[in-house]
């Protein structure tokens, strides 16, 4: 069986062939089944990375829970119901939603929900684990929840995005937080952990967390009753007064119960408009493309380095054979 490190390297190598233009079909070569890749989960039969000659749709994804609930073993995996394969919500799911019948973009963006509104368990994508399941964050062996209380909105991220720590945004003068781009979905419906929904981007807030830019996209479910009326961040302020202030104050104060100071914000604490938000989305998408390309190249170099000793052994065997022939 593959070790977790080997499985992770193989997965990242395979992912480089995924389309970086999220609207085109993803074609992935066959990859062996991966067992026991998540720490503490045990011997799970996880299958992922086989040939997928189509764009993965949010309609094709089911959530499969492994491990006992509310433990360090709990993992929420994305299951492709069409091909019965596990998929990565970070790498396999396209950023831009595509109509599976016409193969054309719908204008919506796929939102992966990690923490449902009116709950407090701190779930997040396990970016360092193969197939990137969602797990509950932990600190010093303890599962983490928001001590402030329940969160007021559906919280998650956009797939195929990455906030690059080495990219210094000219407007905020700090690098990214090394995670997928965060999203706050402000619709009426509670969205379950692991569920993918197409959303409309409305604006963005930039929190500065321990010297890192932690962008918060504001979006709404495309099928929410308010979606037809909300087109930009000013519409939220006008039609849903108090919503943005509540969201900002949540992020400002949620660490205070842990004994930490209030969080701060860049850009004068303003919520920037839809156009600005989409520029952040595209920049983090390009950063993701650089990330998977770089990891794949590193993995290939490592594999080549491991193969060289074996090649030398074969060369020595051939040399000995030739020497014996000459002696005869």
Protein backbone atom coordinates (compact mmCIF):
# COMPACT_ATOMS: atom_id res chain seq x y z
CA UNK A 1 0.00 0.00 0.00
CA UNK A 2 1.03 3.59 -0.58
CA UNK A 3 2.23 5.68 2.32
CA UNK A 4 0.39 8.98 2.90
CA UNK A 5 3.38 10.90 1.54
CA UNK A 6 3.58 8.77 -1.61
CA UNK A 7 -0.17 9.06 -2.15
CA UNK A 8 -0.02 12.82 -1.73
CA UNK A 9 2.85 13.17 -4.21
CA UNK A 10 1.13 10.95 -6.77
CA UNK A 11 -2.12 12.85 -6.42
CA UNK A 12 -0.47 16.22 -6.93
CA UNK A 13 1.42 14.86 -9.96
CA UNK A 14 -1.82 13.69 -11.53
CA UNK A 15 -3.63 16.95 -10.79
CA UNK A 16 -1.31 19.02 -12.98
CA UNK A 17 -3.06 17.67 -16.08
CA UNK A 18 -6.37 19.07 -14.84
CA UNK A 19 -7.60 21.98 -16.91
CA UNK A 20 -6.37 25.30 -15.55
CA UNK A 21 -9.12 26.98 -17.52
CA UNK A 22 -11.92 25.70 -15.31
CA UNK A 23 -14.53 25.60 -18.05
CA UNK A 24 -12.86 22.82 -20.06
CA UNK A 25 -13.12 19.09 -19.43
CA UNK A 26 -10.81 17.48 -16.90
CA UNK A 27 -8.92 14.43 -18.15
CA UNK A 28 -7.07 12.54 -15.46
CA UNK A 29 -5.03 9.34 -15.90
CA UNK A 30 -5.72 6.22 -13.88
CA UNK A 31 -4.47 6.27 -10.32
CA UNK A 32 -4.42 3.35 -7.86
CA UNK A 33 -6.84 3.16 -4.96
CA UNK A 34 -5.55 4.88 -1.86
CA UNK A 35 -6.12 3.19 1.49
CA UNK A 36 -5.61 4.59 4.95
CA UNK A 37 -4.38 7.98 3.79
CA UNK A 38 -6.00 10.07 6.52
CA UNK A 39 -4.35 9.99 9.93
CA UNK A 40 -6.36 8.04 12.48
CA UNK A 41 -9.14 7.08 10.07
CA UNK A 42 -8.01 3.50 9.60
CA UNK A 43 -8.10 1.39 6.44
CA UNK A 44 -10.64 3.18 4.27
CA UNK A 45 -11.19 2.12 0.69
CA UNK A 46 -10.84 5.52 -0.94
CA UNK A 47 -10.89 5.64 -4.70
CA UNK A 48 -9.96 8.75 -6.61
CA UNK A 49 -8.13 10.06 -9.65
CA UNK A 50 -9.40 7.64 -12.30
CA UNK A 51 -10.17 8.87 -15.82
CA UNK A 52 -12.71 11.72 -15.69
CA UNK A 53 -13.48 12.99 -19.17
CA UNK A 54 -16.05 15.57 -18.16
CA UNK A 55 -16.39 18.68 -16.03
CA UNK A 56 -17.41 17.75 -12.50
CA UNK A 57 -20.79 19.32 -11.70
CA UNK A 58 -22.07 20.26 -8.26
CA UNK A 59 -25.10 18.10 -9.08
CA UNK A 60 -22.86 15.02 -9.30
CA UNK A 61 -21.35 15.36 -5.82
CA UNK A 62 -22.56 13.54 -2.74
CA UNK A 63 -21.00 13.80 0.72
CA UNK A 64 -19.65 10.61 2.28
CA UNK A 65 -18.71 10.74 5.97
CA UNK A 66 -15.95 8.48 7.29
CA UNK A 67 -15.01 8.01 10.91
CA UNK A 68 -17.10 8.53 14.03
CA UNK A 69 -18.78 11.92 14.16
CA UNK A 70 -17.34 14.61 16.39
CA UNK A 71 -13.94 12.91 16.63
CA UNK A 72 -10.50 13.55 15.19
CA UNK A 73 -11.25 10.76 12.69
CA UNK A 74 -14.26 12.48 11.11
CA UNK A 75 -13.80 13.21 7.41
CA UNK A 76 -16.33 14.50 4.86
CA UNK A 77 -15.33 13.17 1.42
CA UNK A 78 -16.76 14.27 -1.91
CA UNK A 79 -18.18 11.31 -3.86
CA UNK A 80 -18.74 11.52 -7.61
CA UNK A 81 -22.10 9.75 -7.95
CA UNK A 82 -21.69 9.30 -11.70
CA UNK A 83 -18.38 7.42 -11.58
CA UNK A 84 -18.45 6.23 -7.94
CA UNK A 85 -15.09 7.85 -7.27
CA UNK A 86 -13.93 10.13 -4.47
CA UNK A 87 -12.92 13.57 -5.70
CA UNK A 88 -11.01 16.52 -4.29
CA UNK A 89 -13.23 19.52 -3.61
CA UNK A 90 -10.12 21.69 -3.91
CA UNK A 91 -8.56 20.35 -7.12
CA UNK A 92 -11.16 18.32 -9.08
CA UNK A 93 -14.15 20.64 -8.78
CA UNK A 94 -13.98 23.50 -11.30
CA UNK A 95 -14.06 27.07 -10.03
CA UNK A 96 -16.61 28.24 -12.57
CA UNK A 97 -19.85 26.31 -12.86
CA UNK A 98 -20.47 24.74 -16.24
CA UNK A 99 -23.81 23.50 -17.58
CA UNK A 100 -23.25 19.72 -17.96
CA UNK A 101 -25.51 19.61 -21.04
CA UNK A 102 -24.19 22.56 -23.03
CA UNK A 103 -20.67 22.58 -21.48
CA UNK A 104 -20.91 26.36 -21.29
CA UNK A 105 -20.25 28.51 -18.20
CA UNK A 106 -23.38 29.60 -16.35
CA UNK A 107 -21.82 32.71 -14.81
CA UNK A 108 -21.95 31.22 -11.30
CA UNK A 109 -19.02 30.06 -9.18
CA UNK A 110 -18.92 26.80 -7.22
CA UNK A 111 -18.98 27.31 -3.45
CA UNK A 112 -17.84 24.54 -1.09
CA UNK A 113 -19.55 24.84 2.28
CA UNK A 114 -17.38 23.92 5.26
CA UNK A 115 -19.33 25.46 8.17
CA UNK A 116 -23.15 25.75 7.92
CA UNK A 117 -24.75 28.91 9.27
CA UNK A 118 -26.07 28.69 12.84
CA UNK A 119 -23.36 26.17 13.79
CA UNK A 120 -19.94 26.60 15.48
CA UNK A 121 -17.73 23.56 14.74
CA UNK A 122 -14.65 24.81 12.89
CA UNK A 123 -14.61 22.58 9.81
CA UNK A 124 -12.11 23.18 7.00
CA UNK A 125 -10.66 21.54 3.91
CA UNK A 126 -7.72 19.30 4.79
CA UNK A 127 -5.37 20.78 2.18
CA UNK A 128 -2.46 18.51 3.19
CA UNK A 129 -4.41 15.23 2.94
CA UNK A 130 -4.99 13.30 -0.30
CA UNK A 131 -8.43 13.99 -1.82
CA UNK A 132 -8.73 16.97 0.56
CA UNK A 133 -11.66 15.90 2.76
CA UNK A 134 -13.26 18.34 5.19
CA UNK A 135 -12.29 17.81 8.82
CA UNK A 136 -12.74 19.65 12.10
CA UNK A 137 -9.76 21.82 12.95
CA UNK A 138 -7.87 20.95 16.12
CA UNK A 139 -5.35 22.58 18.40
CA UNK A 140 -3.18 20.68 20.88
CA UNK A 141 -5.24 17.56 20.30
CA UNK A 142 -8.59 19.28 20.95
CA UNK A 143 -11.30 19.76 18.33
CA UNK A 144 -11.98 23.44 17.74
CA UNK A 145 -15.28 25.30 17.78
CA UNK A 146 -16.00 29.02 17.76
CA UNK A 147 -16.15 30.12 21.40
CA UNK A 148 -17.98 33.23 20.27
CA UNK A 149 -20.93 31.03 19.33
CA UNK A 150 -22.72 30.10 16.13
CA UNK A 151 -21.62 31.69 12.87
CA UNK A 152 -24.19 33.90 11.11
CA UNK A 153 -23.62 32.79 7.51
CA UNK A 154 -22.59 29.74 5.49
CA UNK A 155 -18.81 29.69 5.44
CA UNK A 156 -16.51 27.86 3.06
CA UNK A 157 -14.24 28.38 0.08
CA UNK A 158 -13.90 28.43 -3.68
CA UNK A 159 -12.23 25.42 -5.35
CA UNK A 160 -9.05 25.84 -7.40
CA UNK A 161 -8.03 28.98 -5.53
CA UNK A 162 -5.07 29.63 -3.24
CA UNK A 163 -3.97 32.71 -1.30
CA UNK A 164 -0.27 32.75 -2.11
CA UNK A 165 1.89 33.91 0.86
CA UNK A 166 4.53 35.13 -1.62
CA UNK A 167 2.11 37.35 -3.56
CA UNK A 168 2.08 40.81 -1.97
CA UNK A 169 -1.17 42.45 -2.99
CA UNK A 170 -0.43 46.06 -3.95
CA UNK A 171 -3.50 47.40 -2.11
CA UNK A 172 -2.87 45.65 1.21
CA UNK A 173 0.92 45.14 1.20
CA UNK A 174 0.86 41.67 2.78
CA UNK A 175 0.88 38.12 1.42
CA UNK A 176 -1.88 35.52 1.44
CA UNK A 177 -2.71 33.04 4.21
CA UNK A 178 -1.76 29.83 2.33
CA UNK A 179 -5.37 28.56 2.09
CA UNK A 180 -8.14 28.43 -0.51
CA UNK A 181 -10.12 31.66 -0.88
CA UNK A 182 -12.73 32.06 1.90
CA UNK A 183 -16.38 32.69 1.07
CA UNK A 184 -19.29 33.97 3.18
CA UNK A 185 -22.63 32.94 1.65
CA UNK A 186 -25.36 35.22 3.02
CA UNK A 187 -28.48 33.46 1.71
CA UNK A 188 -31.49 32.34 3.72
CA UNK A 189 -30.87 28.60 3.53
CA UNK A 190 -28.48 26.63 5.72
CA UNK A 191 -26.01 24.66 3.55
CA UNK A 192 -24.60 21.40 4.89
CA UNK A 193 -20.90 20.62 5.33
CA UNK A 194 -19.43 19.32 2.06
CA UNK A 195 -22.32 20.59 -0.05
CA UNK A 196 -21.45 22.48 -3.25
CA UNK A 197 -23.69 25.31 -4.41
CA UNK A 198 -23.40 27.72 -7.38
CA UNK A 199 -23.22 31.29 -6.08
CA UNK A 200 -23.14 34.88 -7.29
CA UNK A 201 -20.19 37.01 -6.12
CA UNK A 202 -21.22 40.34 -4.60
CA UNK A 203 -18.12 41.82 -2.96
CA UNK A 204 -15.11 41.19 -0.73
CA UNK A 205 -13.65 42.18 2.65
CA UNK A 206 -9.94 41.91 3.44
CA UNK A 207 -9.16 40.81 6.99
CA UNK A 208 -5.53 40.95 8.11
CA UNK A 209 -4.85 37.94 10.32
CA UNK A 210 -1.43 37.78 12.00
CA UNK A 211 0.15 39.76 9.18
CA UNK A 212 -1.50 37.81 6.36
CA UNK A 213 -4.24 38.81 3.93
CA UNK A 214 -7.35 36.72 4.57
CA UNK A 215 -9.87 37.73 1.91
CA UNK A 216 -13.57 37.08 2.59
CA UNK A 217 -15.71 36.90 -0.53
CA UNK A 218 -19.37 37.86 0.00
CA UNK A 219 -21.68 35.75 -2.17
CA UNK A 220 -25.24 34.48 -2.37
CA UNK A 221 -26.68 31.17 -3.55
CA UNK A 222 -27.90 31.54 -7.12
CA UNK A 223 -31.29 30.05 -6.18
CA UNK A 224 -31.78 32.16 -3.04
CA UNK A 225 -34.91 34.38 -3.12
CA UNK A 226 -32.68 37.47 -2.74
CA UNK A 227 -30.32 36.52 -5.58
CA UNK A 228 -32.34 38.24 -8.30
CA UNK A 229 -32.22 41.52 -6.38
CA UNK A 230 -28.59 41.49 -5.26
CA UNK A 231 -26.06 42.26 -8.01
CA UNK A 232 -23.30 44.16 -6.19
CA UNK A 233 -22.20 44.97 -2.66
CA UNK A 234 -24.20 48.24 -2.56
CA UNK A 235 -27.39 46.25 -3.12
CA UNK A 236 -26.67 44.26 0.04
CA UNK A 237 -26.19 47.44 2.06
CA UNK A 238 -29.39 48.96 0.66
CA UNK A 239 -31.74 45.95 0.70
CA UNK A 240 -30.33 44.01 3.66
CA UNK A 241 -29.11 46.75 6.01
CA UNK A 242 -26.91 45.53 8.84
CA UNK A 243 -25.83 42.34 7.07
CA UNK A 244 -22.36 43.56 6.13
CA UNK A 245 -21.73 45.23 9.49
CA UNK A 246 -22.69 42.00 11.27
CA UNK A 247 -20.38 39.98 9.05
CA UNK A 248 -17.43 42.32 9.62
CA UNK A 249 -17.99 42.42 13.40
CA UNK A 250 -18.09 38.63 13.50
CA UNK A 251 -14.60 38.45 12.02
CA UNK A 252 -13.38 41.33 14.16
CA UNK A 253 -14.41 39.72 17.46
CA UNK A 254 -14.52 35.92 17.06
CA UNK A 255 -11.03 35.38 18.49
CA UNK A 256 -11.54 37.56 21.57
CA UNK A 257 -13.03 34.67 23.65
CA UNK A 258 -9.73 32.83 23.01
CA UNK A 259 -7.86 35.66 24.69
CA UNK A 260 -6.65 37.22 21.42
CA UNK A 261 -7.00 40.85 20.30
CA UNK A 262 -9.64 41.91 17.75
CA UNK A 263 -8.80 41.26 14.11
CA UNK A 264 -8.05 44.20 11.82
CA UNK A 265 -8.95 44.93 8.21
CA UNK A 266 -7.27 46.46 5.20
CA UNK A 267 -8.75 48.93 2.69
CA UNK A 268 -10.25 51.11 5.42
CA UNK A 269 -12.47 48.21 6.55
CA UNK A 270 -14.54 48.66 3.39
CA UNK A 271 -16.40 45.95 1.53
CA UNK A 272 -15.12 46.24 -2.04
CA UNK A 273 -17.49 45.82 -4.99
CA UNK A 274 -18.14 42.83 -7.23
CA UNK A 275 -15.57 43.82 -9.87
CA UNK A 276 -12.84 44.08 -7.22
CA UNK A 277 -13.93 40.78 -5.68
CA UNK A 278 -13.73 39.00 -9.04
CA UNK A 279 -10.19 40.32 -9.51
CA UNK A 280 -9.28 38.62 -6.21
CA UNK A 281 -10.96 35.41 -7.36
CA UNK A 282 -9.00 35.37 -10.62
CA UNK A 283 -5.69 36.16 -8.92
CA UNK A 284 -6.13 33.33 -6.41
CA UNK A 285 -7.14 31.00 -9.24
CA UNK A 286 -3.92 31.80 -11.07
CA UNK A 287 -2.01 31.24 -7.82
CA UNK A 288 -3.62 27.78 -7.50
CA UNK A 289 -2.51 26.95 -11.03
CA UNK A 290 1.07 27.88 -10.13
CA UNK A 291 0.81 25.83 -6.93
CA UNK A 292 -0.27 22.54 -8.53
CA UNK A 293 2.15 22.98 -11.42
CA UNK A 294 5.04 23.51 -9.01
CA UNK A 295 4.09 20.60 -6.76
CA UNK A 296 3.79 18.28 -9.74
CA UNK A 297 7.23 19.28 -11.01
CA UNK A 298 8.72 18.75 -7.53
CA UNK A 299 7.12 15.32 -7.29
CA UNK A 300 8.42 14.29 -10.70
CA UNK A 301 11.94 15.42 -9.80
CA UNK A 302 11.77 13.42 -6.57
CA UNK A 303 10.54 10.35 -8.43
CA UNK A 304 13.37 10.66 -10.95
CA UNK A 305 15.90 11.00 -8.13
CA UNK A 306 14.54 7.85 -6.48
CA UNK A 307 14.69 5.97 -9.77
CA UNK A 308 18.36 6.79 -10.46
CA UNK A 309 19.84 4.33 -7.91
CA UNK A 310 17.77 1.55 -9.48
CA UNK A 311 18.98 2.54 -12.93
CA UNK A 312 22.58 2.41 -11.73
CA UNK A 313 22.03 -1.10 -10.31
CA UNK A 314 20.74 -2.28 -13.68
CA UNK A 315 23.71 -0.68 -15.43
CA UNK A 316 26.12 -2.50 -13.10
CA UNK A 317 24.37 -5.81 -13.75
CA UNK A 318 24.74 -5.30 -17.48
CA UNK A 319 28.40 -4.39 -17.05
CA UNK A 320 29.06 -7.60 -15.07
CA UNK A 321 27.32 -9.66 -17.74
CA UNK A 322 29.52 -8.10 -20.40
CA UNK A 323 32.64 -8.75 -18.31
CA UNK A 324 31.75 -12.44 -17.91
CA UNK A 325 31.19 -12.77 -21.65
CA UNK A 326 34.61 -11.28 -22.34
CA UNK A 327 36.27 -13.65 -19.83
CA UNK A 328 34.71 -16.64 -21.58
